[in-house]
Protein backbone atom coordinates (compact mmCIF):
# COMPACT_ATOMS: atom_id res chain seq x y z
CA MET A 1 1.09 -4.88 0.86
CA SER A 2 1.37 -4.48 4.61
CA ARG A 3 2.45 -1.21 6.55
CA GLY A 4 6.15 -3.38 8.06
CA SER A 5 6.41 -4.21 4.17
CA VAL A 6 8.06 -1.06 3.40
CA PRO A 7 10.77 -0.01 5.71
CA GLY A 8 11.49 2.92 7.41
CA GLY A 9 14.69 5.91 7.77
CA VAL A 10 16.85 5.55 10.62
CA VAL A 11 15.49 8.24 12.56
CA HIS A 12 11.65 8.64 11.72
CA GLU A 13 9.21 5.70 10.99
CA LEU A 14 7.40 5.88 7.50
CA PRO A 15 4.30 8.19 7.32
CA ALA A 16 0.88 5.97 6.23
CA ASP A 17 1.17 8.82 3.45
CA LEU A 18 4.36 8.82 1.69
CA HIS A 19 3.46 4.28 2.57
CA ASP A 20 0.74 4.53 0.70
CA ALA A 21 1.89 6.55 -2.40
CA LEU A 22 5.52 3.98 -2.87
CA SER A 23 3.22 1.63 -2.40
CA GLY A 24 0.70 2.27 -5.65
CA ASN A 25 3.96 3.23 -7.20
CA ALA A 26 5.46 -0.21 -8.48
CA VAL A 27 9.39 1.24 -9.59
CA ALA A 28 9.67 3.87 -6.97
CA LEU A 29 8.79 1.02 -4.39
CA ALA A 30 11.95 -0.95 -5.88
CA ALA A 31 13.82 2.14 -5.95
CA TRP A 32 13.56 2.74 -2.28
CA GLN A 33 14.02 -0.64 -1.44
CA ASP A 34 17.27 -0.95 -2.97
CA ILE A 35 18.62 2.80 -0.68
CA THR A 36 20.56 2.97 2.25
CA PRO A 37 17.58 3.37 5.30
CA LEU A 38 19.78 6.85 5.90
CA ALA A 39 18.82 7.74 2.16
CA ARG A 40 15.46 6.69 2.87
CA ASN A 41 15.27 8.73 6.38
CA GLU A 42 16.39 12.31 3.94
CA PHE A 43 13.62 11.55 2.15
CA ILE A 44 11.22 10.89 5.25
CA CYS A 45 13.12 13.66 7.50
CA TRP A 46 12.88 16.40 3.86
CA VAL A 47 8.12 15.37 3.70
CA ASP A 48 8.42 15.53 7.64
CA ASP A 49 9.66 18.64 6.97
CA ALA A 50 6.70 20.14 5.23
CA LYS A 51 4.55 22.85 6.80
CA GLN A 52 1.82 22.96 4.66
CA THR A 53 -0.08 20.65 3.53
CA GLY A 54 0.09 21.30 -0.24
CA THR A 55 3.96 21.56 0.31
CA ARG A 56 3.59 17.99 1.88
CA GLU A 57 1.91 16.48 -0.68
CA ARG A 58 4.73 17.70 -3.42
CA ARG A 59 7.68 16.32 -1.68
CA ILE A 60 5.68 13.07 -1.45
CA ARG A 61 5.42 13.41 -5.93
CA ARG A 62 9.05 14.88 -6.04
CA THR A 63 9.91 11.50 -3.72
CA GLN A 64 8.44 9.24 -6.31
CA GLU A 65 9.88 10.61 -9.31
CA GLU A 66 13.11 11.47 -8.01
CA LEU A 67 13.03 7.77 -6.67
CA GLU A 68 11.87 6.72 -10.28
CA GLU A 69 14.64 9.08 -11.97
CA GLY A 70 17.60 7.09 -9.90
CA GLN A 71 17.90 9.73 -7.07
CA ARG A 72 19.34 8.64 -4.01
CA ARG A 73 18.39 10.90 -1.98
CA PRO A 74 16.49 14.16 -1.98
CA CYS A 75 17.93 16.64 -4.64
CA CYS A 76 18.42 20.00 -2.75
CA TRP A 77 17.94 19.45 0.91
CA PRO A 78 20.83 19.43 3.18
CA GLY A 79 20.07 16.34 5.30
CA CYS A 80 18.22 15.99 8.11
CA THR A 81 19.42 17.65 11.09
CA HIS A 82 17.82 14.71 13.06
CA ARG A 83 20.46 12.10 12.93
CA GLU A 84 23.69 12.44 15.12
CA ARG A 85 27.36 11.86 13.67
CA SER A 86 27.35 8.49 13.60
CA GLY A 87 24.38 8.04 11.59
CA HIS A 88 21.53 7.15 14.22
């Protein structure tokens, strides 16, 4: 699957490690493609906000799990601080 076939967010580009995780998980990928760009942006920002490698890896794993469960935004995340009120 090419990098361009997994869409990113509004403000954030899709990082390679999250791309690879989604590409290897058909259920999570289908859910990812079904959510809005703003919702994808929230997951990407949440993953990128991790300070430690272990935290980042856990958040990528949780992103897949939450998508598999039908969640459309990361649980317990106040939201991306990089997005303007206009949605861009």
